[in-house]
Protein backbone atom coordinates (compact mmCIF):
# COMPACT_ATOMS: atom_id res chain seq x y z
CA MET A 1 -7.34 15.72 24.03
CA HIS A 2 -6.89 18.43 21.41
CA LYS A 3 -3.90 19.74 23.37
CA LYS A 4 -2.23 16.32 23.37
CA LEU A 5 -2.85 15.91 19.64
CA LEU A 6 -1.33 19.33 18.97
CA GLN A 7 1.72 18.47 21.11
CA PHE A 8 2.14 15.22 19.15
CA LEU A 9 1.93 16.98 15.78
CA LEU A 10 4.42 19.66 16.83
CA HIS A 11 6.80 17.14 18.40
CA ALA A 12 9.98 16.60 16.37
CA GLY A 13 10.25 12.97 17.47
CA HIS A 14 12.59 11.10 19.74
CA HIS A 15 15.27 11.16 17.06
CA ALA A 16 15.58 13.30 13.95
CA ASP A 17 18.75 12.06 12.27
CA ASP A 18 17.01 11.75 8.88
CA LYS A 19 17.73 15.42 8.08
CA MET A 20 14.23 15.97 6.70
CA ALA A 21 12.29 19.20 7.22
CA LEU A 22 8.96 17.58 8.04
CA ARG A 23 7.17 20.72 9.19
CA ARG A 24 8.17 22.56 6.04
CA TRP A 25 6.77 19.76 3.86
CA PHE A 26 3.50 19.45 5.80
CA LEU A 27 3.05 23.23 5.59
CA PHE A 28 3.54 23.08 1.82
CA PHE A 29 1.09 20.16 1.54
CA VAL A 30 -1.62 21.97 3.50
CA ILE A 31 -1.13 25.15 1.44
CA PHE A 32 -1.20 23.09 -1.78
CA LEU A 33 -4.52 21.46 -0.85
CA ALA A 34 -5.96 24.78 0.31
CA ALA A 35 -4.98 26.43 -2.99
CA LEU A 36 -6.69 23.65 -4.95
CA ALA A 37 -9.82 23.94 -2.80
CA LEU A 38 -9.93 27.71 -3.29
CA THR A 39 -9.37 27.33 -7.04
CA ALA A 40 -12.20 24.79 -7.31
CA THR A 41 -14.54 27.01 -5.27
CA GLN A 42 -13.74 30.13 -7.30
CA SER A 43 -14.08 28.28 -10.61
CA LEU A 44 -17.45 26.89 -9.60
CA HIS A 45 -18.55 30.39 -8.57
CA ASN A 46 -17.41 31.80 -11.93
CA TYR A 47 -19.25 29.00 -13.73
CA ASP A 48 -22.46 29.84 -11.87
CA LEU A 49 -22.16 33.49 -12.90
CA HIS A 50 -20.92 32.97 -16.45
CA PRO A 51 -21.09 29.33 -17.59
CA SER A 52 -18.03 28.46 -19.67
CA GLY A 53 -16.09 25.35 -20.55
CA LEU A 54 -12.89 26.85 -19.17
CA SER A 55 -14.30 27.43 -15.67
CA TRP A 56 -15.80 23.95 -15.64
CA ARG A 57 -12.50 22.29 -16.64
CA ILE A 58 -10.49 24.30 -14.10
CA TRP A 59 -12.97 23.11 -11.46
CA LEU A 60 -12.54 19.49 -12.59
CA THR A 61 -8.74 19.77 -12.67
CA ALA A 62 -8.52 21.25 -9.18
CA LEU A 63 -10.81 18.59 -7.70
CA TYR A 64 -8.95 15.84 -9.58
CA LEU A 65 -5.58 16.94 -8.22
CA PHE A 66 -7.01 17.43 -4.72
CA TYR A 67 -8.44 13.91 -4.61
CA MET A 68 -5.39 12.21 -6.13
CA ALA A 69 -3.01 14.08 -3.78
CA LEU A 70 -4.84 12.54 -0.80
CA CYS A 71 -4.92 8.92 -1.98
CA CYS A 72 -2.18 6.91 -0.28
CA THR A 73 -1.87 4.20 2.39
CA PHE A 74 -3.27 6.53 5.04
CA PHE A 75 -6.26 7.40 2.83
CA PRO A 76 -6.75 4.28 0.63
CA ALA A 77 -9.48 5.67 -1.61
CA PRO A 78 -9.86 4.17 -5.13
CA THR A 79 -8.49 6.16 -8.05
CA ALA A 80 -9.28 4.10 -11.16
CA TRP A 81 -12.90 5.27 -11.32
CA LEU A 82 -11.97 8.96 -11.33
CA VAL A 83 -9.27 8.57 -13.98
CA MET A 84 -11.68 6.71 -16.25
CA LEU A 85 -14.57 9.07 -15.55
CA LEU A 86 -12.61 12.20 -16.51
CA ALA A 87 -11.32 10.48 -19.65
CA SER A 88 -14.75 9.15 -20.67
CA PRO A 89 -16.92 10.81 -23.35
CA ALA A 90 -19.41 11.70 -20.59
CA ILE A 91 -17.01 14.42 -19.37
CA ARG A 92 -15.27 15.37 -22.64
CA PHE A 93 -12.29 16.83 -20.80
CA VAL A 94 -10.80 18.05 -24.10
CA PRO A 95 -13.59 18.85 -26.61
CA PRO A 96 -12.96 18.07 -30.30
CA ASP A 97 -12.99 21.74 -31.26
CA ALA A 98 -10.10 22.59 -28.89
CA PRO A 99 -7.30 21.18 -31.13
CA VAL A 100 -8.93 22.81 -34.17
CA ARG A 101 -8.76 26.24 -32.52
CA LEU A 102 -5.02 25.77 -32.03
CA PHE A 103 -4.34 24.01 -35.34
CA PRO A 104 -7.09 24.78 -37.93
CA ALA A 105 -5.47 22.47 -40.49
CA ALA A 106 -5.99 19.51 -38.16
CA SER A 107 -9.79 19.61 -38.38
CA PRO A 108 -10.05 16.20 -40.17
CA HIS A 109 -8.34 14.60 -37.16
CA ALA A 110 -10.06 16.66 -34.48
CA ASN A 111 -11.55 13.69 -32.61
CA THR A 112 -8.27 11.76 -32.61
CA LEU A 113 -6.30 14.76 -31.36
CA ALA A 114 -8.88 15.49 -28.66
CA ALA A 115 -8.75 11.87 -27.49
CA ALA A 116 -4.94 11.90 -27.41
CA ALA A 117 -4.90 15.20 -25.51
CA THR A 118 -7.46 13.87 -23.01
CA ILE A 119 -5.46 10.70 -22.35
CA THR A 120 -2.22 12.64 -21.96
CA LEU A 121 -3.62 15.33 -19.66
CA ILE A 122 -5.57 12.91 -17.45
CA ALA A 123 -2.56 10.61 -17.12
CA LEU A 124 -0.07 13.40 -16.32
CA LEU A 125 -2.34 15.27 -13.89
CA GLY A 126 -3.27 12.05 -12.11
CA ALA A 127 0.36 10.96 -11.90
CA LEU A 128 1.33 14.35 -10.46
CA GLY A 129 -1.35 14.08 -7.79
CA THR A 130 -0.36 10.52 -6.86
CA ALA A 131 3.34 11.40 -6.79
CA ILE A 132 2.60 14.20 -4.32
CA ALA A 133 0.42 11.83 -2.25
CA ASN A 134 3.16 9.21 -2.11
CA LEU A 135 5.74 11.82 -1.23
CA ASN A 136 3.46 12.96 1.58
CA GLU A 137 3.32 9.31 2.69
CA TYR A 138 7.15 9.32 2.66
CA TYR A 139 7.15 12.20 5.14
CA LEU A 140 4.33 10.74 7.25
CA ILE A 141 6.05 7.38 7.66
CA THR A 142 9.34 9.12 8.41
CA PHE A 143 7.54 11.14 11.08
CA LEU A 144 6.14 7.94 12.63
CA LEU A 145 9.53 6.21 12.48
CA ARG A 146 10.95 8.96 14.64
CA PHE A 147 8.76 7.71 17.50
CA GLY A 148 9.16 3.96 17.00
CA ARG A 149 11.89 1.40 16.99
CA SER A 150 12.64 0.43 13.43
CA ALA A 151 15.23 -2.15 14.49
CA SER A 152 12.46 -4.58 15.46
CA TYR A 153 11.25 -5.01 11.88
CA THR A 154 14.46 -4.25 9.96
CA ALA A 155 16.00 -7.32 11.63
CA ASN A 156 13.15 -9.47 10.30
CA ARG A 157 14.23 -12.13 7.76
CA PHE A 158 11.45 -11.21 5.33
CA TYR A 159 12.52 -7.56 5.46
CA GLN A 160 16.17 -8.47 4.85
CA ALA A 161 15.26 -10.73 1.90
CA ALA A 162 13.05 -8.05 0.34
CA LEU A 163 15.78 -5.47 0.93
CA ARG A 164 18.30 -7.52 -1.07
CA TYR A 165 15.96 -7.50 -4.09
CA PHE A 166 15.23 -3.80 -3.61
CA GLN A 167 18.92 -2.87 -3.62
CA LEU A 168 19.46 -4.54 -7.01
CA SER A 169 17.52 -1.84 -8.87
CA PRO A 170 15.41 0.36 -6.59
CA PHE A 171 14.27 2.82 -9.27
CA ALA A 172 13.15 0.09 -11.69
CA LEU A 173 11.34 -1.79 -8.92
CA MET A 174 9.56 1.34 -7.73
CA LEU A 175 8.55 2.22 -11.28
CA ALA A 176 7.20 -1.30 -11.88
CA PHE A 177 5.27 -1.44 -8.61
CA ASN A 178 3.72 1.97 -9.30
CA PHE A 179 2.64 0.77 -12.73
CA LEU A 180 1.16 -2.52 -11.54
CA PRO A 181 -2.22 -2.35 -9.74
CA ILE A 182 -0.95 -3.60 -6.38
CA PRO A 183 -3.06 -2.39 -3.40
CA ILE A 184 -0.20 -2.38 -0.86
CA ASP A 185 3.18 -1.29 -2.17
CA LEU A 186 5.86 -2.94 -0.01
CA VAL A 187 8.60 -1.60 -2.28
CA ARG A 188 7.50 1.94 -1.47
CA TRP A 189 7.75 1.21 2.25
CA LEU A 190 11.20 -0.29 1.75
CA ALA A 191 12.30 2.84 -0.08
CA ILE A 192 11.05 5.03 2.76
CA SER A 193 12.68 2.94 5.49
CA ARG A 194 15.99 3.00 3.58
CA ARG A 195 15.69 6.78 2.99
CA TYR A 196 15.74 6.39 -0.75
CA SER A 197 16.36 9.58 -2.73
CA ARG A 198 13.17 11.64 -2.65
CA PRO A 199 13.57 13.08 -6.19
CA ARG A 200 14.01 9.54 -7.58
CA TYR A 201 11.13 8.33 -5.43
CA PHE A 202 8.92 11.08 -6.84
CA LEU A 203 10.06 10.46 -10.44
CA ALA A 204 9.55 6.68 -10.26
CA THR A 205 6.06 7.20 -8.87
CA PHE A 206 5.21 9.81 -11.52
CA ILE A 207 6.38 7.72 -14.49
CA GLY A 208 4.84 4.47 -13.26
CA ARG A 209 1.48 6.02 -12.45
CA ALA A 210 1.43 8.07 -15.67
CA LEU A 211 1.73 4.83 -17.66
CA ARG A 212 -0.96 3.13 -15.57
CA TYR A 213 -3.37 6.04 -15.78
CA ALA A 214 -2.72 6.39 -19.52
CA ILE A 215 -3.96 2.81 -20.03
CA LEU A 216 -7.05 3.47 -17.91
CA ALA A 217 -7.75 6.76 -19.69
CA ALA A 218 -7.23 5.19 -23.12
CA THR A 219 -9.64 2.40 -22.20
CA ALA A 220 -12.32 4.88 -21.17
CA THR A 221 -11.75 7.17 -24.17
CA CYS A 222 -11.32 4.64 -26.97
CA LEU A 223 -14.06 2.27 -25.81
CA ALA A 224 -16.37 5.18 -24.93
CA ILE A 225 -17.45 3.49 -21.71
CA GLY A 226 -20.12 5.06 -19.54
CA LEU A 227 -20.57 5.65 -15.84
CA ARG A 228 -22.13 2.23 -15.21
CA ASP A 229 -19.20 0.43 -16.83
CA ILE A 230 -16.73 2.52 -14.82
CA LEU A 231 -18.50 1.63 -11.58
CA ILE A 232 -18.48 -2.05 -12.51
CA ILE A 233 -14.75 -1.98 -13.23
CA GLN A 234 -13.98 -0.15 -9.98
CA CYS A 235 -16.18 -2.50 -7.93
CA ALA A 236 -14.47 -5.48 -9.57
CA ILE A 237 -11.06 -4.13 -8.57
CA ILE A 238 -12.22 -3.55 -4.98
CA LEU A 239 -13.75 -7.05 -4.88
CA LEU A 240 -10.49 -8.63 -6.02
CA VAL A 241 -8.63 -6.82 -3.24
CA ILE A 242 -11.21 -7.92 -0.65
CA LEU A 243 -11.08 -11.55 -1.86
CA ARG A 244 -7.30 -11.51 -1.75
CA TYR A 245 -7.16 -10.47 1.89
CA ALA A 246 -10.23 -12.48 2.88
CA ALA A 247 -8.50 -15.65 1.65
CA LYS A 248 -5.46 -14.88 3.81
CA ILE A 249 -7.58 -14.14 6.87
CA MET A 250 -9.60 -17.35 6.43
CA SER A 251 -6.47 -19.47 5.94
CA ARG A 252 -4.95 -18.08 9.11
CA ALA A 253 -8.17 -18.63 11.05
CA SER A 254 -8.40 -22.24 9.87
CA CYS A 255 -4.86 -23.08 10.96
CA PRO A 256 -4.90 -24.84 14.37
CA ARG A 257 -3.13 -22.98 17.09
CA VAL A 258 -0.44 -24.95 18.89
CA LYS A 259 -0.67 -24.44 22.61
CA PRO A 260 2.65 -23.94 24.40
CA PRO A 261 3.59 -26.71 26.82
CA ALA A 262 2.54 -26.07 30.38
């Protein structure tokens, strides 16, 4: 079984006319995750030997990027809780004395500057991680498309209708769908199937998610919410997603099936 899995992973696909170096990307992604894991491990070791705020924050940053770089359709783990947790006063990602050390004259506004720096850093780091995760999804779906027949779903009327809207302004649509809290991003899948420009794909994801995470981080920082509140918010988001799909499943199950004539 392991041999068959290895053959599948090393297989280039039945067709490779997309001109994408999949193996090169996946090698980079594995090295990127390994580097983050090693950085987190070393920082935690340094913190055990000589406790310092710097080692602790490097550990948090590495773990944050590692987690966010994994979260995509293939690993649909929630992200809102982590963004809000790192931005909350419980973590104090940027302590109030940090801006004062850089700008001593800004001591009267130390708390405001620390809050602004926390929101900015958490939003940008989270957006970077998610942009890498979505780009990895781009390569994964492209890899899977090499083995399947895309003509079966590209000829679908729903796909064609969605494609017409996507072609009007693909960058703006991708940016909007990355900003809005939508659990399944059909626009992203359209972009991948149409081989949308990867730099634009990455940039739209980064900007949209940076804006979304900035709102979450600002909520956690300015309202000084705690761990319990963060868990409640995340559970509420998950419950809304479950209710959304449960309603669709129940409506389909309640529809009577028409038997074909004998």
